[in-house]
C-alpha atoms as a PDB file:
ATOM      1  CA  UNK A   1      84.137  91.696  60.893  1.00  0.00           C
ATOM      2  CA  UNK A   2      81.571  90.612  58.314  1.00  0.00           C
ATOM      3  CA  UNK A   3      80.397  87.039  58.154  1.00  0.00           C
ATOM      4  CA  UNK A   4      82.248  84.884  55.640  1.00  0.00           C
ATOM      5  CA  UNK A   5      80.138  83.638  52.723  1.00  0.00           C
ATOM      6  CA  UNK A   6      81.194  80.137  51.686  1.00  0.00           C
ATOM      7  CA  UNK A   7      80.685  79.607  47.933  1.00  0.00           C
ATOM      8  CA  UNK A   8      81.280  76.263  46.209  1.00  0.00           C
ATOM      9  CA  UNK A   9      82.355  75.937  42.578  1.00  0.00           C
ATOM     10  CA  UNK A  10      83.890  73.399  40.214  1.00  0.00           C
ATOM     11  CA  UNK A  11      86.791  73.602  37.775  1.00  0.00           C
ATOM     12  CA  UNK A  12      84.712  74.974  34.908  1.00  0.00           C
ATOM     13  CA  UNK A  13      84.592  78.158  32.841  1.00  0.00           C
ATOM     14  CA  UNK A  14      81.020  78.674  34.114  1.00  0.00           C
ATOM     15  CA  UNK A  15      82.558  79.528  37.496  1.00  0.00           C
ATOM     16  CA  UNK A  16      84.077  82.702  36.007  1.00  0.00           C
ATOM     17  CA  UNK A  17      81.636  85.243  37.524  1.00  0.00           C
ATOM     18  CA  UNK A  18      82.420  84.071  41.050  1.00  0.00           C
ATOM     19  CA  UNK A  19      86.178  84.022  40.431  1.00  0.00           C
ATOM     20  CA  UNK A  20      86.129  87.433  38.714  1.00  0.00           C
ATOM     21  CA  UNK A  21      84.089  88.965  41.546  1.00  0.00           C
ATOM     22  CA  UNK A  22      86.682  87.696  43.992  1.00  0.00           C
ATOM     23  CA  UNK A  23      89.839  88.509  42.024  1.00  0.00           C
ATOM     24  CA  UNK A  24      88.683  91.939  40.798  1.00  0.00           C
ATOM     25  CA  UNK A  25      87.642  93.035  44.275  1.00  0.00           C
ATOM     26  CA  UNK A  26      83.918  93.314  43.506  1.00  0.00           C
ATOM     27  CA  UNK A  27      82.965  91.313  46.588  1.00  0.00           C
ATOM     28  CA  UNK A  28      85.223  93.473  48.713  1.00  0.00           C
ATOM     29  CA  UNK A  29      83.805  96.710  47.280  1.00  0.00           C
ATOM     30  CA  UNK A  30      80.365  95.609  48.426  1.00  0.00           C
ATOM     31  CA  UNK A  31      81.579  94.679  51.897  1.00  0.00           C
ATOM     32  CA  UNK A  32      81.461  90.918  51.332  1.00  0.00           C
ATOM     33  CA  UNK A  33      83.952  88.472  52.804  1.00  0.00           C
ATOM     34  CA  UNK A  34      83.876  85.462  50.463  1.00  0.00           C
ATOM     35  CA  UNK A  35      85.630  82.135  50.778  1.00  0.00           C
ATOM     36  CA  UNK A  36      85.711  80.043  47.589  1.00  0.00           C
ATOM     37  CA  UNK A  37      85.669  76.264  47.906  1.00  0.00           C
ATOM     38  CA  UNK A  38      86.702  74.320  44.787  1.00  0.00           C
ATOM     39  CA  UNK A  39      84.743  71.059  44.935  1.00  0.00           C
ATOM     40  CA  UNK A  40      85.756  67.774  43.266  1.00  0.00           C
ATOM     41  CA  UNK A  41      82.261  66.884  42.023  1.00  0.00           C
ATOM     42  CA  UNK A  42      78.717  68.150  41.720  1.00  0.00           C
ATOM     43  CA  UNK A  43      77.557  65.644  44.316  1.00  0.00           C
ATOM     44  CA  UNK A  44      80.062  67.064  46.776  1.00  0.00           C
ATOM     45  CA  UNK A  45      78.882  70.637  46.151  1.00  0.00           C
ATOM     46  CA  UNK A  46      75.213  69.666  46.484  1.00  0.00           C
ATOM     47  CA  UNK A  47      75.810  67.735  49.700  1.00  0.00           C
ATOM     48  CA  UNK A  48      77.707  70.619  51.286  1.00  0.00           C
ATOM     49  CA  UNK A  49      74.968  73.056  50.316  1.00  0.00           C
ATOM     50  CA  UNK A  50      72.316  70.699  51.682  1.00  0.00           C
ATOM     51  CA  UNK A  51      73.975  70.266  55.061  1.00  0.00           C
ATOM     52  CA  UNK A  52      75.036  73.884  55.603  1.00  0.00           C
ATOM     53  CA  UNK A  53      78.746  73.501  54.862  1.00  0.00           C
ATOM     54  CA  UNK A  54      78.311  75.971  51.984  1.00  0.00           C
ATOM     55  CA  UNK A  55      76.089  79.041  51.871  1.00  0.00           C
ATOM     56  CA  UNK A  56      75.977  79.270  48.075  1.00  0.00           C
ATOM     57  CA  UNK A  57      77.289  77.396  45.053  1.00  0.00           C
ATOM     58  CA  UNK A  58      77.590  77.454  41.299  1.00  0.00           C
ATOM     59  CA  UNK A  59      75.141  74.667  40.527  1.00  0.00           C
ATOM     60  CA  UNK A  60      73.334  72.579  37.929  1.00  0.00           C
ATOM     61  CA  UNK A  61      69.651  73.599  37.807  1.00  0.00           C
ATOM     62  CA  UNK A  62      68.294  70.021  37.559  1.00  0.00           C
ATOM     63  CA  UNK A  63      70.445  69.015  40.541  1.00  0.00           C
ATOM     64  CA  UNK A  64      68.970  71.799  42.657  1.00  0.00           C
ATOM     65  CA  UNK A  65      65.461  70.757  41.644  1.00  0.00           C
ATOM     66  CA  UNK A  66      66.218  67.116  42.408  1.00  0.00           C
ATOM     67  CA  UNK A  67      67.684  67.973  45.809  1.00  0.00           C
ATOM     68  CA  UNK A  68      64.650  70.029  46.787  1.00  0.00           C
ATOM     69  CA  UNK A  69      62.306  67.199  45.736  1.00  0.00           C
ATOM     70  CA  UNK A  70      64.305  64.628  47.723  1.00  0.00           C
ATOM     71  CA  UNK A  71      65.359  62.614  44.666  1.00  0.00           C
ATOM     72  CA  UNK A  72      68.916  62.142  45.962  1.00  0.00           C
ATOM     73  CA  UNK A  73      68.404  61.865  49.719  1.00  0.00           C
ATOM     74  CA  UNK A  74      66.602  63.962  52.313  1.00  0.00           C
ATOM     75  CA  UNK A  75      64.778  66.951  50.897  1.00  0.00           C
ATOM     76  CA  UNK A  76      67.047  69.984  50.784  1.00  0.00           C
ATOM     77  CA  UNK A  77      66.089  73.631  51.146  1.00  0.00           C
ATOM     78  CA  UNK A  78      67.649  75.603  48.303  1.00  0.00           C
ATOM     79  CA  UNK A  79      66.634  78.533  46.145  1.00  0.00           C
ATOM     80  CA  UNK A  80      67.861  79.748  42.768  1.00  0.00           C
ATOM     81  CA  UNK A  81      67.871  83.577  42.686  1.00  0.00           C
ATOM     82  CA  UNK A  82      69.868  83.969  39.462  1.00  0.00           C
ATOM     83  CA  UNK A  83      71.302  82.240  36.418  1.00  0.00           C
ATOM     84  CA  UNK A  84      75.063  82.350  35.882  1.00  0.00           C
ATOM     85  CA  UNK A  85      75.669  81.047  32.361  1.00  0.00           C
ATOM     86  CA  UNK A  86      74.145  79.913  29.085  1.00  0.00           C
ATOM     87  CA  UNK A  87      75.485  77.238  26.751  1.00  0.00           C
ATOM     88  CA  UNK A  88      79.032  75.952  26.860  1.00  0.00           C
ATOM     89  CA  UNK A  89      78.626  72.171  26.899  1.00  0.00           C
ATOM     90  CA  UNK A  90      79.952  69.866  24.193  1.00  0.00           C
ATOM     91  CA  UNK A  91      79.233  66.313  23.172  1.00  0.00           C
ATOM     92  CA  UNK A  92      82.608  64.694  22.609  1.00  0.00           C
ATOM     93  CA  UNK A  93      83.386  61.295  21.102  1.00  0.00           C
ATOM     94  CA  UNK A  94      86.497  59.198  21.477  1.00  0.00           C
ATOM     95  CA  UNK A  95      88.476  58.784  18.290  1.00  0.00           C
ATOM     96  CA  UNK A  96      86.968  55.393  17.433  1.00  0.00           C
ATOM     97  CA  UNK A  97      83.401  56.644  17.753  1.00  0.00           C
ATOM     98  CA  UNK A  98      84.235  59.927  16.017  1.00  0.00           C
ATOM     99  CA  UNK A  99      85.611  58.077  13.002  1.00  0.00           C
ATOM    100  CA  UNK A 100      82.507  55.901  12.848  1.00  0.00           C
ATOM    101  CA  UNK A 101      80.088  58.834  12.693  1.00  0.00           C
ATOM    102  CA  UNK A 102      82.115  61.061  10.371  1.00  0.00           C
ATOM    103  CA  UNK A 103      79.645  60.548   7.502  1.00  0.00           C
ATOM    104  CA  UNK A 104      78.619  63.988   6.303  1.00  0.00           C
ATOM    105  CA  UNK A 105      75.739  62.508   4.318  1.00  0.00           C
ATOM    106  CA  UNK A 106      73.757  61.500   7.392  1.00  0.00           C
ATOM    107  CA  UNK A 107      72.631  63.387  10.513  1.00  0.00           C
ATOM    108  CA  UNK A 108      75.193  62.971  13.252  1.00  0.00           C
ATOM    109  CA  UNK A 109      72.730  61.835  15.906  1.00  0.00           C
ATOM    110  CA  UNK A 110      71.451  59.075  13.601  1.00  0.00           C
ATOM    111  CA  UNK A 111      74.967  57.960  12.712  1.00  0.00           C
ATOM    112  CA  UNK A 112      75.903  57.908  16.383  1.00  0.00           C
ATOM    113  CA  UNK A 113      72.775  55.911  17.165  1.00  0.00           C
ATOM    114  CA  UNK A 114      73.630  53.327  14.487  1.00  0.00           C
ATOM    115  CA  UNK A 115      77.159  53.019  15.885  1.00  0.00           C
ATOM    116  CA  UNK A 116      75.920  52.713  19.476  1.00  0.00           C
ATOM    117  CA  UNK A 117      73.483  49.937  18.566  1.00  0.00           C
ATOM    118  CA  UNK A 118      76.040  48.053  16.481  1.00  0.00           C
ATOM    119  CA  UNK A 119      78.538  48.237  19.341  1.00  0.00           C
ATOM    120  CA  UNK A 120      75.929  46.976  21.797  1.00  0.00           C
ATOM    121  CA  UNK A 121      75.253  43.987  19.554  1.00  0.00           C
ATOM    122  CA  UNK A 122      78.964  43.323  19.036  1.00  0.00           C
ATOM    123  CA  UNK A 123      79.962  43.668  22.697  1.00  0.00           C
ATOM    124  CA  UNK A 124      76.813  42.387  24.317  1.00  0.00           C
ATOM    125  CA  UNK A 125      76.731  45.510  26.467  1.00  0.00           C
ATOM    126  CA  UNK A 126      76.086  49.183  25.782  1.00  0.00           C
ATOM    127  CA  UNK A 127      79.044  51.536  25.442  1.00  0.00           C
ATOM    128  CA  UNK A 128      79.712  53.928  28.298  1.00  0.00           C
ATOM    129  CA  UNK A 129      78.932  57.596  27.855  1.00  0.00           C
ATOM    130  CA  UNK A 130      79.780  60.029  30.633  1.00  0.00           C
ATOM    131  CA  UNK A 131      77.798  62.937  31.997  1.00  0.00           C
ATOM    132  CA  UNK A 132      78.890  65.075  34.918  1.00  0.00           C
ATOM    133  CA  UNK A 133      75.922  64.187  37.134  1.00  0.00           C
ATOM    134  CA  UNK A 134      72.742  62.181  36.742  1.00  0.00           C
ATOM    135  CA  UNK A 135      70.659  65.298  37.475  1.00  0.00           C
ATOM    136  CA  UNK A 136      72.448  67.603  35.048  1.00  0.00           C
ATOM    137  CA  UNK A 137      71.623  69.787  32.082  1.00  0.00           C
ATOM    138  CA  UNK A 138      74.191  67.662  30.237  1.00  0.00           C
ATOM    139  CA  UNK A 139      72.293  64.424  30.802  1.00  0.00           C
ATOM    140  CA  UNK A 140      68.923  65.947  29.931  1.00  0.00           C
ATOM    141  CA  UNK A 141      70.145  67.667  26.765  1.00  0.00           C
ATOM    142  CA  UNK A 142      72.060  64.575  25.650  1.00  0.00           C
ATOM    143  CA  UNK A 143      69.011  62.357  26.212  1.00  0.00           C
ATOM    144  CA  UNK A 144      66.745  64.807  24.413  1.00  0.00           C
ATOM    145  CA  UNK A 145      69.105  64.928  21.408  1.00  0.00           C
ATOM    146  CA  UNK A 146      69.617  61.167  21.222  1.00  0.00           C
ATOM    147  CA  UNK A 147      65.932  60.370  21.633  1.00  0.00           C
ATOM    148  CA  UNK A 148      65.112  62.722  18.763  1.00  0.00           C
ATOM    149  CA  UNK A 149      67.182  60.457  16.513  1.00  0.00           C
ATOM    150  CA  UNK A 150      65.555  57.260  17.727  1.00  0.00           C
ATOM    151  CA  UNK A 151      68.239  56.354  20.244  1.00  0.00           C
ATOM    152  CA  UNK A 152      67.039  54.916  23.551  1.00  0.00           C
ATOM    153  CA  UNK A 153      69.297  56.534  26.172  1.00  0.00           C
ATOM    154  CA  UNK A 154      68.276  53.931  28.743  1.00  0.00           C
ATOM    155  CA  UNK A 155      69.182  51.012  26.479  1.00  0.00           C
ATOM    156  CA  UNK A 156      71.555  52.046  23.708  1.00  0.00           C
ATOM    157  CA  UNK A 157      74.135  53.659  26.013  1.00  0.00           C
ATOM    158  CA  UNK A 158      75.298  53.066  29.568  1.00  0.00           C
ATOM    159  CA  UNK A 159      75.371  56.468  31.219  1.00  0.00           C
ATOM    160  CA  UNK A 160      78.069  56.873  33.848  1.00  0.00           C
ATOM    161  CA  UNK A 161      78.898  59.858  36.022  1.00  0.00           C
ATOM    162  CA  UNK A 162      82.393  61.323  35.790  1.00  0.00           C
ATOM    163  CA  UNK A 163      83.331  64.680  37.375  1.00  0.00           C
ATOM    164  CA  UNK A 164      84.048  67.338  34.717  1.00  0.00           C
ATOM    165  CA  UNK A 165      87.785  67.610  35.326  1.00  0.00           C
ATOM    166  CA  UNK A 166      88.167  63.832  34.913  1.00  0.00           C
ATOM    167  CA  UNK A 167      86.361  63.308  31.595  1.00  0.00           C
ATOM    168  CA  UNK A 168      89.382  63.900  29.353  1.00  0.00           C
ATOM    169  CA  UNK A 169      91.460  61.260  31.133  1.00  0.00           C
ATOM    170  CA  UNK A 170      88.528  58.841  31.129  1.00  0.00           C
ATOM    171  CA  UNK A 171      88.118  59.323  27.372  1.00  0.00           C
ATOM    172  CA  UNK A 172      91.841  59.011  26.649  1.00  0.00           C
ATOM    173  CA  UNK A 173      92.093  55.800  28.673  1.00  0.00           C
ATOM    174  CA  UNK A 174      89.144  54.212  26.859  1.00  0.00           C
ATOM    175  CA  UNK A 175      87.006  53.903  29.983  1.00  0.00           C
ATOM    176  CA  UNK A 176      84.264  55.844  28.182  1.00  0.00           C
ATOM    177  CA  UNK A 177      83.361  56.203  24.503  1.00  0.00           C
ATOM    178  CA  UNK A 178      82.257  59.810  24.818  1.00  0.00           C
ATOM    179  CA  UNK A 179      80.998  62.473  27.161  1.00  0.00           C
ATOM    180  CA  UNK A 180      78.881  65.574  27.516  1.00  0.00           C
ATOM    181  CA  UNK A 181      80.564  68.144  29.757  1.00  0.00           C
ATOM    182  CA  UNK A 182      81.081  71.854  30.165  1.00  0.00           C
ATOM    183  CA  UNK A 183      83.951  74.040  29.044  1.00  0.00           C
ATOM    184  CA  UNK A 184      86.873  73.830  28.858  1.00  0.00           C
ATOM    185  CA  UNK A 185      86.862  70.032  28.796  1.00  0.00           C
ATOM    186  CA  UNK A 186      85.597  69.479  25.229  1.00  0.00           C
ATOM    187  CA  UNK A 187      88.289  71.680  23.712  1.00  0.00           C
ATOM    188  CA  UNK A 188      90.803  70.189  26.151  1.00  0.00           C
ATOM    189  CA  UNK A 189      89.956  66.681  24.907  1.00  0.00           C
ATOM    190  CA  UNK A 190      90.579  67.734  21.311  1.00  0.00           C
ATOM    191  CA  UNK A 191      93.828  69.463  22.265  1.00  0.00           C
ATOM    192  CA  UNK A 192      94.992  66.285  24.006  1.00  0.00           C
ATOM    193  CA  UNK A 193      94.105  64.150  20.976  1.00  0.00           C
ATOM    194  CA  UNK A 194      91.672  62.141  23.103  1.00  0.00           C
ATOM    195  CA  UNK A 195      88.614  62.716  20.925  1.00  0.00           C
ATOM    196  CA  UNK A 196      86.568  65.045  18.762  1.00  0.00           C
ATOM    197  CA  UNK A 197      83.769  67.468  19.526  1.00  0.00           C
ATOM    198  CA  UNK A 198      80.622  66.296  17.768  1.00  0.00           C
ATOM    199  CA  UNK A 199      78.504  69.355  18.544  1.00  0.00           C
ATOM    200  CA  UNK A 200      77.847  72.055  21.096  1.00  0.00           C
ATOM    201  CA  UNK A 201      74.820  72.000  23.344  1.00  0.00           C
ATOM    202  CA  UNK A 202      73.526  75.274  21.883  1.00  0.00           C
ATOM    203  CA  UNK A 203      72.776  73.304  18.722  1.00  0.00           C
ATOM    204  CA  UNK A 204      70.260  71.341  20.796  1.00  0.00           C
ATOM    205  CA  UNK A 205      68.704  74.265  22.647  1.00  0.00           C
ATOM    206  CA  UNK A 206      69.978  77.704  21.560  1.00  0.00           C
ATOM    207  CA  UNK A 207      70.928  79.922  24.512  1.00  0.00           C
ATOM    208  CA  UNK A 208      69.976  77.204  26.955  1.00  0.00           C
ATOM    209  CA  UNK A 209      70.343  77.945  30.670  1.00  0.00           C
ATOM    210  CA  UNK A 210      73.363  76.183  32.095  1.00  0.00           C
ATOM    211  CA  UNK A 211      74.744  76.951  35.568  1.00  0.00           C
ATOM    212  CA  UNK A 212      72.834  78.834  38.230  1.00  0.00           C
ATOM    213  CA  UNK A 213      73.575  80.312  41.615  1.00  0.00           C
ATOM    214  CA  UNK A 214      71.991  78.238  44.360  1.00  0.00           C
ATOM    215  CA  UNK A 215      71.640  79.491  47.913  1.00  0.00           C
ATOM    216  CA  UNK A 216      70.986  77.454  51.022  1.00  0.00           C
ATOM    217  CA  UNK A 217      67.490  78.696  51.848  1.00  0.00           C
ATOM    218  CA  UNK A 218      68.087  78.932  55.614  1.00  0.00           C
ATOM    219  CA  UNK A 219      71.161  81.098  54.975  1.00  0.00           C
ATOM    220  CA  UNK A 220      69.319  83.335  52.489  1.00  0.00           C
ATOM    221  CA  UNK A 221      66.451  83.810  54.925  1.00  0.00           C
ATOM    222  CA  UNK A 222      68.814  84.671  57.770  1.00  0.00           C
ATOM    223  CA  UNK A 223      70.948  87.082  55.724  1.00  0.00           C
ATOM    224  CA  UNK A 224      68.727  88.825  53.133  1.00  0.00           C
ATOM    225  CA  UNK A 225      70.840  91.983  52.895  1.00  0.00           C
ATOM    226  CA  UNK A 226      74.040  89.985  52.402  1.00  0.00           C
ATOM    227  CA  UNK A 227      72.331  87.822  49.781  1.00  0.00           C
ATOM    228  CA  UNK A 228      71.284  90.969  47.889  1.00  0.00           C
ATOM    229  CA  UNK A 229      74.862  92.243  47.820  1.00  0.00           C
ATOM    230  CA  UNK A 230      76.063  88.844  46.631  1.00  0.00           C
ATOM    231  CA  UNK A 231      73.658  89.019  43.684  1.00  0.00           C
ATOM    232  CA  UNK A 232      74.744  92.584  42.985  1.00  0.00           C
ATOM    233  CA  UNK A 233      78.400  91.549  42.863  1.00  0.00           C
ATOM    234  CA  UNK A 234      77.743  88.645  40.525  1.00  0.00           C
ATOM    235  CA  UNK A 235      75.642  90.775  38.168  1.00  0.00           C
ATOM    236  CA  UNK A 236      78.588  93.153  37.833  1.00  0.00           C
ATOM    237  CA  UNK A 237      81.034  90.290  37.329  1.00  0.00           C
ATOM    238  CA  UNK A 238      78.850  88.702  34.624  1.00  0.00           C
ATOM    239  CA  UNK A 239      79.102  91.855  32.522  1.00  0.00           C
ATOM    240  CA  UNK A 240      82.901  91.649  32.667  1.00  0.00           C
ATOM    241  CA  UNK A 241      82.808  87.961  31.747  1.00  0.00           C
ATOM    242  CA  UNK A 242      80.900  88.754  28.533  1.00  0.00           C
ATOM    243  CA  UNK A 243      83.475  91.322  27.396  1.00  0.00           C
ATOM    244  CA  UNK A 244      85.802  90.241  24.554  1.00  0.00           C
ATOM    245  CA  UNK A 245      88.373  92.746  25.808  1.00  0.00           C
ATOM    246  CA  UNK A 246      88.429  91.047  29.204  1.00  0.00           C
ATOM    247  CA  UNK A 247      88.493  87.470  27.867  1.00  0.00           C
ATOM    248  CA  UNK A 248      92.301  86.959  27.718  1.00  0.00           C
ATOM    249  CA  UNK A 249      92.760  88.210  31.270  1.00  0.00           C
ATOM    250  CA  UNK A 250      89.865  86.107  32.551  1.00  0.00           C
ATOM    251  CA  UNK A 251      91.250  82.996  30.845  1.00  0.00           C
ATOM    252  CA  UNK A 252      94.599  83.634  32.545  1.00  0.00           C
ATOM    253  CA  UNK A 253      92.808  84.199  35.851  1.00  0.00           C
ATOM    254  CA  UNK A 254      90.960  80.873  35.582  1.00  0.00           C
ATOM    255  CA  UNK A 255      94.229  79.140  34.712  1.00  0.00           C
ATOM    256  CA  UNK A 256      96.028  80.250  37.877  1.00  0.00           C
ATOM    257  CA  UNK A 257      97.479  77.161  39.620  1.00  0.00           C
ATOM    258  CA  UNK A 258      96.311  78.359  43.029  1.00  0.00           C
ATOM    259  CA  UNK A 259      92.761  78.779  41.695  1.00  0.00           C
ATOM    260  CA  UNK A 260      90.844  76.617  39.225  1.00  0.00           C
ATOM    261  CA  UNK A 261      93.992  75.658  37.267  1.00  0.00           C
ATOM    262  CA  UNK A 262      92.050  75.348  34.004  1.00  0.00           C
ATOM    263  CA  UNK A 263      93.945  74.845  30.737  1.00  0.00           C
ATOM    264  CA  UNK A 264      94.270  78.399  29.442  1.00  0.00           C
ATOM    265  CA  UNK A 265      93.861  77.965  25.684  1.00  0.00           C
ATOM    266  CA  UNK A 266      90.680  75.835  25.831  1.00  0.00           C
ATOM    267  CA  UNK A 267      89.336  78.209  28.467  1.00  0.00           C
ATOM    268  CA  UNK A 268      89.885  81.214  26.217  1.00  0.00           C
ATOM    269  CA  UNK A 269      88.133  79.323  23.391  1.00  0.00           C
ATOM    270  CA  UNK A 270      84.925  79.201  25.453  1.00  0.00           C
ATOM    271  CA  UNK A 271      84.897  82.903  26.371  1.00  0.00           C
ATOM    272  CA  UNK A 272      83.613  85.849  24.329  1.00  0.00           C
ATOM    273  CA  UNK A 273      84.762  85.747  20.685  1.00  0.00           C
ATOM    274  CA  UNK A 274      86.757  82.608  21.361  1.00  0.00           C
ATOM    275  CA  UNK A 275      87.442  79.978  18.730  1.00  0.00           C
ATOM    276  CA  UNK A 276      85.720  77.047  20.408  1.00  0.00           C
ATOM    277  CA  UNK A 277      82.588  75.298  19.165  1.00  0.00           C
ATOM    278  CA  UNK A 278      80.675  76.848  22.076  1.00  0.00           C
ATOM    279  CA  UNK A 279      81.078  80.241  23.745  1.00  0.00           C
ATOM    280  CA  UNK A 280      79.476  80.733  27.122  1.00  0.00           C
ATOM    281  CA  UNK A 281      77.216  83.722  27.755  1.00  0.00           C
ATOM    282  CA  UNK A 282      77.182  85.153  31.254  1.00  0.00           C
ATOM    283  CA  UNK A 283      75.010  88.270  31.050  1.00  0.00           C
ATOM    284  CA  UNK A 284      73.574  88.881  27.566  1.00  0.00           C
ATOM    285  CA  UNK A 285      70.192  87.435  26.683  1.00  0.00           C
ATOM    286  CA  UNK A 286      68.927  87.653  30.275  1.00  0.00           C
ATOM    287  CA  UNK A 287      71.310  84.882  31.322  1.00  0.00           C
ATOM    288  CA  UNK A 288      71.082  86.196  34.876  1.00  0.00           C
ATOM    289  CA  UNK A 289      67.299  85.790  35.167  1.00  0.00           C
ATOM    290  CA  UNK A 290      66.044  82.597  36.892  1.00  0.00           C
ATOM    291  CA  UNK A 291      63.134  81.930  34.558  1.00  0.00           C
ATOM    292  CA  UNK A 292      60.599  79.484  35.940  1.00  0.00           C
ATOM    293  CA  UNK A 293      59.750  78.419  32.399  1.00  0.00           C
ATOM    294  CA  UNK A 294      63.309  77.061  32.187  1.00  0.00           C
ATOM    295  CA  UNK A 295      62.834  75.162  35.434  1.00  0.00           C
ATOM    296  CA  UNK A 296      59.631  73.686  34.029  1.00  0.00           C
ATOM    297  CA  UNK A 297      61.464  72.443  30.921  1.00  0.00           C
ATOM    298  CA  UNK A 298      64.019  70.648  33.071  1.00  0.00           C
ATOM    299  CA  UNK A 299      61.302  69.224  35.309  1.00  0.00           C
ATOM    300  CA  UNK A 300      59.290  68.082  32.296  1.00  0.00           C
ATOM    301  CA  UNK A 301      62.288  66.194  30.933  1.00  0.00           C
ATOM    302  CA  UNK A 302      62.990  64.671  34.348  1.00  0.00           C
ATOM    303  CA  UNK A 303      59.393  63.490  34.424  1.00  0.00           C
ATOM    304  CA  UNK A 304      59.689  62.187  30.860  1.00  0.00           C
ATOM    305  CA  UNK A 305      62.486  59.821  31.924  1.00  0.00           C
ATOM    306  CA  UNK A 306      60.658  58.612  35.000  1.00  0.00           C
ATOM    307  CA  UNK A 307      62.791  60.460  37.537  1.00  0.00           C
ATOM    308  CA  UNK A 308      59.813  62.491  38.778  1.00  0.00           C
ATOM    309  CA  UNK A 309      56.396  60.989  39.480  1.00  0.00           C
ATOM    310  CA  UNK A 310      53.465  61.828  37.245  1.00  0.00           C
ATOM    311  CA  UNK A 311      51.519  63.301  40.175  1.00  0.00           C
ATOM    312  CA  UNK A 312      54.125  65.891  41.135  1.00  0.00           C
ATOM    313  CA  UNK A 313      53.034  69.524  40.774  1.00  0.00           C
ATOM    314  CA  UNK A 314      55.903  70.765  38.611  1.00  0.00           C
ATOM    315  CA  UNK A 315      54.717  74.361  38.647  1.00  0.00           C
ATOM    316  CA  UNK A 316      54.730  74.375  42.434  1.00  0.00           C
ATOM    317  CA  UNK A 317      58.311  73.039  42.508  1.00  0.00           C
ATOM    318  CA  UNK A 318      59.464  75.650  39.984  1.00  0.00           C
ATOM    319  CA  UNK A 319      57.906  78.449  42.033  1.00  0.00           C
ATOM    320  CA  UNK A 320      59.412  77.172  45.266  1.00  0.00           C
ATOM    321  CA  UNK A 321      62.952  76.934  43.877  1.00  0.00           C
ATOM    322  CA  UNK A 322      63.255  79.668  41.231  1.00  0.00           C
ATOM    323  CA  UNK A 323      63.028  83.023  42.974  1.00  0.00           C
ATOM    324  CA  UNK A 324      63.126  85.928  40.491  1.00  0.00           C
ATOM    325  CA  UNK A 325      61.674  88.132  43.236  1.00  0.00           C
ATOM    326  CA  UNK A 326      65.036  87.975  45.035  1.00  0.00           C
ATOM    327  CA  UNK A 327      66.814  89.313  41.953  1.00  0.00           C
ATOM    328  CA  UNK A 328      64.409  91.868  40.470  1.00  0.00           C
ATOM    329  CA  UNK A 329      65.076  94.732  42.906  1.00  0.00           C
ATOM    330  CA  UNK A 330      68.843  94.170  42.763  1.00  0.00           C
ATOM    331  CA  UNK A 331      68.868  94.210  38.961  1.00  0.00           C
ATOM    332  CA  UNK A 332      66.780  97.388  38.949  1.00  0.00           C
ATOM    333  CA  UNK A 333      69.320  99.056  41.235  1.00  0.00           C
ATOM    334  CA  UNK A 334      72.024  98.066  38.729  1.00  0.00           C
ATOM    335  CA  UNK A 335      70.061  99.702  35.918  1.00  0.00           C
ATOM    336  CA  UNK A 336      69.086  96.409  34.294  1.00  0.00           C
ATOM    337  CA  UNK A 337      65.493  96.183  32.984  1.00  0.00           C
ATOM    338  CA  UNK A 338      64.196  93.099  34.651  1.00  0.00           C
ATOM    339  CA  UNK A 339      60.865  91.485  34.171  1.00  0.00           C
ATOM    340  CA  UNK A 340      57.271  91.666  33.115  1.00  0.00           C
ATOM    341  CA  UNK A 341      54.241  89.896  34.503  1.00  0.00           C
ATOM    342  CA  UNK A 342      53.011  86.888  32.567  1.00  0.00           C
ATOM    343  CA  UNK A 343      50.591  84.055  33.117  1.00  0.00           C
ATOM    344  CA  UNK A 344      53.434  82.029  34.563  1.00  0.00           C
ATOM    345  CA  UNK A 345      54.616  84.772  36.901  1.00  0.00           C
ATOM    346  CA  UNK A 346      57.641  87.020  36.468  1.00  0.00           C
ATOM    347  CA  UNK A 347      59.629  86.521  33.297  1.00  0.00           C
ATOM    348  CA  UNK A 348      62.475  88.666  31.966  1.00  0.00           C
ATOM    349  CA  UNK A 349      61.847  91.196  29.236  1.00  0.00           C
ATOM    350  CA  UNK A 350      64.375  89.538  26.915  1.00  0.00           C
ATOM    351  CA  UNK A 351      63.736  85.893  27.753  1.00  0.00           C
ATOM    352  CA  UNK A 352      64.311  83.799  24.606  1.00  0.00           C
ATOM    353  CA  UNK A 353      61.015  82.157  23.733  1.00  0.00           C
ATOM    354  CA  UNK A 354      62.470  79.331  21.639  1.00  0.00           C
ATOM    355  CA  UNK A 355      62.455  76.020  23.473  1.00  0.00           C
ATOM    356  CA  UNK A 356      63.378  72.692  21.934  1.00  0.00           C
ATOM    357  CA  UNK A 357      60.301  71.134  20.306  1.00  0.00           C
ATOM    358  CA  UNK A 358      58.541  68.434  22.277  1.00  0.00           C
ATOM    359  CA  UNK A 359      59.640  64.966  21.235  1.00  0.00           C
END
């Protein structure tokens, strides 16, 4: 009997490769016994991975980096051998805020900033804006976008953490004025009449890395052959997840009540050739490659906001956590051209070179 691999995931469309690999028998074909654990929050998933209750998880790259650096408790040992998704997040405003910034004659970020500051003056406190975790791509991209329009994200908004599956209810109840979260929750908020999507995160950073696969380093070191087969299975599943022909079936799969129980229509909107503001990429554009240059962008933004000390060797952290060497041989076996040598180490052949400009 093979050892069971415990994989954590949240109720998000980004989890599709793991679910597809399980439901389509890809794990089984490769001799893997996988147990999926649907977690209620990113903190829960990170804690379980840190303390050995999970072997792997669909994760937020900045959260992995923070855990390894000891920014949220004892230093964890995790590695990122592959990316799982690109794009897919939306910035959503409650109806009051959406109406206030619906001035087509002015950039939306500037209009939102004016509304946020006027509300802070009127209320005496900043309005609450939710992100799914403090150390998240959502928080970093939102801060980057707001700061570019002169908004101080540490003063003009009060950032609160709300798990992804709870953001729609929080918005509808008025507990928050807006949120930045992954699919399907932006489209679900619009469908529920709770708010309006202001923009997708790919407008901030085109083809930005979103979720990654994180492995508990002790588990990966103890089971290298199993880890390789896990990567192989997920590479195959990612290709299916990018297929427009497969999208309706995958949306239905993710909506199964005994699984992630995602709302089916908003889920379909986020998949290939969907009608949502943002469609998630799972394989195209070297989504699967854990590029250290991406890790360095996240780390640079974390340092910008004072979460990481100025003396920290960011390049060393990126090299410790992002492990393209674990993926390269597997991808080659799957017939996927992988990487070339560069000054910064291994980078994928098709890695998008466009990063958001420094601000």
